[in-house]
């Protein structure tokens, strides 16, 4: 069930929390960040959250990259780790992966979650974006600064 009262926030905050919990996580943001519709913002947050949770549970001490690419018509979320996932042994789809797929489908996007050919695991979500208001350059940095200060 997709709930309307779910937590939301900055994926940057999730990355900082993961770092403070001991994960080796890098955040890469490309394109022009902008405010997103609430449903899209929640989906992005939950996709990053579930992906980082899966890394912590299954990948071992692997480096992780969270990439958010703001394109004109879509947001692309890519979370890749260098863990022990093997392309010859696809993962059993649990509730987390099913939940991500449902969220992405509800927004008209696409999701690919699978072991990488070179090892490790990748989650790639493409979410369509409408013409939401864009953040001014300074506002983007303010949002990142607030997320970093809020991290435990």
C-alpha atoms as a PDB file:
ATOM      1  CA  UNK A   1       0.000   0.000   0.000  1.00  0.00           C
ATOM      2  CA  UNK A   2       1.408   3.372  -0.999  1.00  0.00           C
ATOM      3  CA  UNK A   3       0.722   5.698   1.907  1.00  0.00           C
ATOM      4  CA  UNK A   4       0.320   9.466   1.762  1.00  0.00           C
ATOM      5  CA  UNK A   5       1.825  10.015   5.226  1.00  0.00           C
ATOM      6  CA  UNK A   6       5.219   8.514   4.452  1.00  0.00           C
ATOM      7  CA  UNK A   7       8.426  10.266   5.390  1.00  0.00           C
ATOM      8  CA  UNK A   8      10.022  12.387   2.747  1.00  0.00           C
ATOM      9  CA  UNK A   9      13.107  14.493   2.537  1.00  0.00           C
ATOM     10  CA  UNK A  10      16.337  14.934   0.751  1.00  0.00           C
ATOM     11  CA  UNK A  11      18.208  11.925  -0.619  1.00  0.00           C
ATOM     12  CA  UNK A  12      21.300  13.872   0.522  1.00  0.00           C
ATOM     13  CA  UNK A  13      20.088  13.437   4.112  1.00  0.00           C
ATOM     14  CA  UNK A  14      19.755   9.687   3.543  1.00  0.00           C
ATOM     15  CA  UNK A  15      23.300   9.574   2.175  1.00  0.00           C
ATOM     16  CA  UNK A  16      24.623  11.421   5.237  1.00  0.00           C
ATOM     17  CA  UNK A  17      22.774   9.032   7.562  1.00  0.00           C
ATOM     18  CA  UNK A  18      24.187   6.046   5.687  1.00  0.00           C
ATOM     19  CA  UNK A  19      27.700   7.501   5.993  1.00  0.00           C
ATOM     20  CA  UNK A  20      27.255   8.025   9.717  1.00  0.00           C
ATOM     21  CA  UNK A  21      26.179   4.370   9.970  1.00  0.00           C
ATOM     22  CA  UNK A  22      29.456   3.321   8.339  1.00  0.00           C
ATOM     23  CA  UNK A  23      28.575   2.921   4.652  1.00  0.00           C
ATOM     24  CA  UNK A  24      31.023   4.270   2.074  1.00  0.00           C
ATOM     25  CA  UNK A  25      28.531   6.354   0.065  1.00  0.00           C
ATOM     26  CA  UNK A  26      29.114   8.970  -2.603  1.00  0.00           C
ATOM     27  CA  UNK A  27      26.337  11.289  -3.808  1.00  0.00           C
ATOM     28  CA  UNK A  28      26.503  12.620  -7.365  1.00  0.00           C
ATOM     29  CA  UNK A  29      23.895  15.127  -8.537  1.00  0.00           C
ATOM     30  CA  UNK A  30      23.800  16.241 -12.161  1.00  0.00           C
ATOM     31  CA  UNK A  31      21.457  18.496 -14.026  1.00  0.00           C
ATOM     32  CA  UNK A  32      19.475  21.383 -12.613  1.00  0.00           C
ATOM     33  CA  UNK A  33      17.885  20.427  -9.301  1.00  0.00           C
ATOM     34  CA  UNK A  34      14.313  21.537  -8.883  1.00  0.00           C
ATOM     35  CA  UNK A  35      11.355  21.125  -6.617  1.00  0.00           C
ATOM     36  CA  UNK A  36       9.500  17.942  -7.420  1.00  0.00           C
ATOM     37  CA  UNK A  37       5.817  17.069  -7.088  1.00  0.00           C
ATOM     38  CA  UNK A  38       5.139  15.482  -3.697  1.00  0.00           C
ATOM     39  CA  UNK A  39       4.502  11.980  -5.064  1.00  0.00           C
ATOM     40  CA  UNK A  40       7.715  12.061  -7.085  1.00  0.00           C
ATOM     41  CA  UNK A  41       9.694  13.463  -4.151  1.00  0.00           C
ATOM     42  CA  UNK A  42       8.415  10.680  -1.881  1.00  0.00           C
ATOM     43  CA  UNK A  43       9.188   8.025  -4.460  1.00  0.00           C
ATOM     44  CA  UNK A  44      12.744   9.314  -4.953  1.00  0.00           C
ATOM     45  CA  UNK A  45      13.318   9.385  -1.191  1.00  0.00           C
ATOM     46  CA  UNK A  46      11.970   5.863  -0.707  1.00  0.00           C
ATOM     47  CA  UNK A  47      13.910   4.426  -3.659  1.00  0.00           C
ATOM     48  CA  UNK A  48      17.177   5.796  -2.283  1.00  0.00           C
ATOM     49  CA  UNK A  49      16.240   4.722   1.258  1.00  0.00           C
ATOM     50  CA  UNK A  50      15.371   1.155   0.233  1.00  0.00           C
ATOM     51  CA  UNK A  51      18.444   0.883  -1.984  1.00  0.00           C
ATOM     52  CA  UNK A  52      20.769   1.981   0.818  1.00  0.00           C
ATOM     53  CA  UNK A  53      19.009  -0.363   3.250  1.00  0.00           C
ATOM     54  CA  UNK A  54      19.559  -3.244   0.832  1.00  0.00           C
ATOM     55  CA  UNK A  55      23.240  -2.359   0.495  1.00  0.00           C
ATOM     56  CA  UNK A  56      23.633  -2.347   4.280  1.00  0.00           C
ATOM     57  CA  UNK A  57      21.886  -5.714   4.573  1.00  0.00           C
ATOM     58  CA  UNK A  58      23.268  -7.601   1.588  1.00  0.00           C
ATOM     59  CA  UNK A  59      26.358  -6.022   0.034  1.00  0.00           C
ATOM     60  CA  UNK A  60      28.825  -6.212   2.882  1.00  0.00           C
ATOM     61  CA  UNK A  61      31.487  -3.497   3.141  1.00  0.00           C
ATOM     62  CA  UNK A  62      30.888  -2.204  -0.389  1.00  0.00           C
ATOM     63  CA  UNK A  63      31.286   1.285  -1.772  1.00  0.00           C
ATOM     64  CA  UNK A  64      28.011   2.800  -2.968  1.00  0.00           C
ATOM     65  CA  UNK A  65      27.244   5.577  -5.433  1.00  0.00           C
ATOM     66  CA  UNK A  66      23.892   7.361  -5.379  1.00  0.00           C
ATOM     67  CA  UNK A  67      23.397   9.368  -8.552  1.00  0.00           C
ATOM     68  CA  UNK A  68      20.489  11.727  -9.123  1.00  0.00           C
ATOM     69  CA  UNK A  69      20.232  13.042 -12.660  1.00  0.00           C
ATOM     70  CA  UNK A  70      17.755  15.849 -13.232  1.00  0.00           C
ATOM     71  CA  UNK A  71      16.886  15.753 -16.908  1.00  0.00           C
ATOM     72  CA  UNK A  72      14.341  18.009 -18.556  1.00  0.00           C
ATOM     73  CA  UNK A  73      11.556  15.438 -18.574  1.00  0.00           C
ATOM     74  CA  UNK A  74      12.630  12.905 -15.965  1.00  0.00           C
ATOM     75  CA  UNK A  75      14.539  12.229 -12.787  1.00  0.00           C
ATOM     76  CA  UNK A  76      16.949   9.311 -13.040  1.00  0.00           C
ATOM     77  CA  UNK A  77      17.992   7.650  -9.792  1.00  0.00           C
ATOM     78  CA  UNK A  78      20.873   5.204  -9.890  1.00  0.00           C
ATOM     79  CA  UNK A  79      22.221   3.435  -6.811  1.00  0.00           C
ATOM     80  CA  UNK A  80      25.150   1.115  -7.494  1.00  0.00           C
ATOM     81  CA  UNK A  81      27.275  -0.882  -5.106  1.00  0.00           C
ATOM     82  CA  UNK A  82      30.397  -2.960  -5.469  1.00  0.00           C
ATOM     83  CA  UNK A  83      29.094  -5.768  -3.270  1.00  0.00           C
ATOM     84  CA  UNK A  84      29.004  -9.489  -3.796  1.00  0.00           C
ATOM     85  CA  UNK A  85      25.868  -9.735  -5.967  1.00  0.00           C
ATOM     86  CA  UNK A  86      26.409 -12.123  -8.865  1.00  0.00           C
ATOM     87  CA  UNK A  87      24.656 -11.789 -12.256  1.00  0.00           C
ATOM     88  CA  UNK A  88      24.435 -15.592 -12.399  1.00  0.00           C
ATOM     89  CA  UNK A  89      22.276 -15.580  -9.254  1.00  0.00           C
ATOM     90  CA  UNK A  90      19.459 -13.020  -9.602  1.00  0.00           C
ATOM     91  CA  UNK A  91      18.072 -11.774  -6.288  1.00  0.00           C
ATOM     92  CA  UNK A  92      14.829 -13.022  -4.841  1.00  0.00           C
ATOM     93  CA  UNK A  93      12.459 -10.081  -5.103  1.00  0.00           C
ATOM     94  CA  UNK A  94      11.407  -9.107  -1.606  1.00  0.00           C
ATOM     95  CA  UNK A  95       8.954  -6.473  -0.425  1.00  0.00           C
ATOM     96  CA  UNK A  96      11.477  -3.665  -0.861  1.00  0.00           C
ATOM     97  CA  UNK A  97      12.079  -4.281  -4.550  1.00  0.00           C
ATOM     98  CA  UNK A  98       8.365  -4.893  -5.148  1.00  0.00           C
ATOM     99  CA  UNK A  99       7.524  -1.649  -3.345  1.00  0.00           C
ATOM    100  CA  UNK A 100      10.001   0.288  -5.482  1.00  0.00           C
ATOM    101  CA  UNK A 101       8.556  -1.237  -8.651  1.00  0.00           C
ATOM    102  CA  UNK A 102       5.004  -0.334  -7.581  1.00  0.00           C
ATOM    103  CA  UNK A 103       5.969   3.262  -6.800  1.00  0.00           C
ATOM    104  CA  UNK A 104       7.761   3.715 -10.084  1.00  0.00           C
ATOM    105  CA  UNK A 105       4.930   2.118 -12.085  1.00  0.00           C
ATOM    106  CA  UNK A 106       2.336   4.313 -10.336  1.00  0.00           C
ATOM    107  CA  UNK A 107       4.262   7.363 -11.555  1.00  0.00           C
ATOM    108  CA  UNK A 108       4.607   6.068 -15.112  1.00  0.00           C
ATOM    109  CA  UNK A 109       8.321   5.378 -14.815  1.00  0.00           C
ATOM    110  CA  UNK A 110      10.599   2.384 -15.208  1.00  0.00           C
ATOM    111  CA  UNK A 111      12.748   0.430 -12.769  1.00  0.00           C
ATOM    112  CA  UNK A 112      15.646  -1.932 -13.292  1.00  0.00           C
ATOM    113  CA  UNK A 113      17.105  -3.632 -10.222  1.00  0.00           C
ATOM    114  CA  UNK A 114      19.642  -6.375 -10.831  1.00  0.00           C
ATOM    115  CA  UNK A 115      23.195  -7.558 -10.262  1.00  0.00           C
ATOM    116  CA  UNK A 116      25.759  -5.697 -12.375  1.00  0.00           C
ATOM    117  CA  UNK A 117      27.818  -7.673 -14.926  1.00  0.00           C
ATOM    118  CA  UNK A 118      31.024  -6.642 -13.121  1.00  0.00           C
ATOM    119  CA  UNK A 119      29.614  -7.583  -9.712  1.00  0.00           C
ATOM    120  CA  UNK A 120      27.605  -5.676  -7.204  1.00  0.00           C
ATOM    121  CA  UNK A 121      24.035  -4.485  -7.599  1.00  0.00           C
ATOM    122  CA  UNK A 122      22.347  -1.576  -9.354  1.00  0.00           C
ATOM    123  CA  UNK A 123      18.952   0.063  -8.957  1.00  0.00           C
ATOM    124  CA  UNK A 124      17.966   2.426 -11.788  1.00  0.00           C
ATOM    125  CA  UNK A 125      14.680   4.290 -11.714  1.00  0.00           C
ATOM    126  CA  UNK A 126      13.475   6.700 -14.376  1.00  0.00           C
ATOM    127  CA  UNK A 127      10.647   8.906 -13.153  1.00  0.00           C
ATOM    128  CA  UNK A 128       8.809  11.360 -15.412  1.00  0.00           C
ATOM    129  CA  UNK A 129       8.865  14.951 -14.162  1.00  0.00           C
ATOM    130  CA  UNK A 130       6.343  17.617 -15.015  1.00  0.00           C
ATOM    131  CA  UNK A 131       7.322  21.293 -15.304  1.00  0.00           C
ATOM    132  CA  UNK A 132       7.841  21.800 -11.553  1.00  0.00           C
ATOM    133  CA  UNK A 133       9.320  25.025 -10.251  1.00  0.00           C
ATOM    134  CA  UNK A 134      13.100  25.035 -10.283  1.00  0.00           C
ATOM    135  CA  UNK A 135      15.213  25.941  -7.287  1.00  0.00           C
ATOM    136  CA  UNK A 136      17.457  28.926  -7.684  1.00  0.00           C
ATOM    137  CA  UNK A 137      21.179  28.089  -7.555  1.00  0.00           C
ATOM    138  CA  UNK A 138      21.586  29.343  -3.969  1.00  0.00           C
ATOM    139  CA  UNK A 139      18.497  27.471  -2.779  1.00  0.00           C
ATOM    140  CA  UNK A 140      19.928  24.140  -3.918  1.00  0.00           C
ATOM    141  CA  UNK A 141      23.023  24.690  -1.776  1.00  0.00           C
ATOM    142  CA  UNK A 142      20.843  25.762   1.177  1.00  0.00           C
ATOM    143  CA  UNK A 143      18.844  22.524   0.930  1.00  0.00           C
ATOM    144  CA  UNK A 144      22.062  20.474   0.880  1.00  0.00           C
ATOM    145  CA  UNK A 145      23.503  22.423   3.821  1.00  0.00           C
ATOM    146  CA  UNK A 146      20.340  21.876   5.880  1.00  0.00           C
ATOM    147  CA  UNK A 147      20.434  18.139   5.089  1.00  0.00           C
ATOM    148  CA  UNK A 148      24.072  17.894   6.160  1.00  0.00           C
ATOM    149  CA  UNK A 149      23.435  19.786   9.422  1.00  0.00           C
ATOM    150  CA  UNK A 150      20.404  17.586  10.200  1.00  0.00           C
ATOM    151  CA  UNK A 151      22.358  14.356   9.777  1.00  0.00           C
ATOM    152  CA  UNK A 152      23.022  12.614  13.105  1.00  0.00           C
END
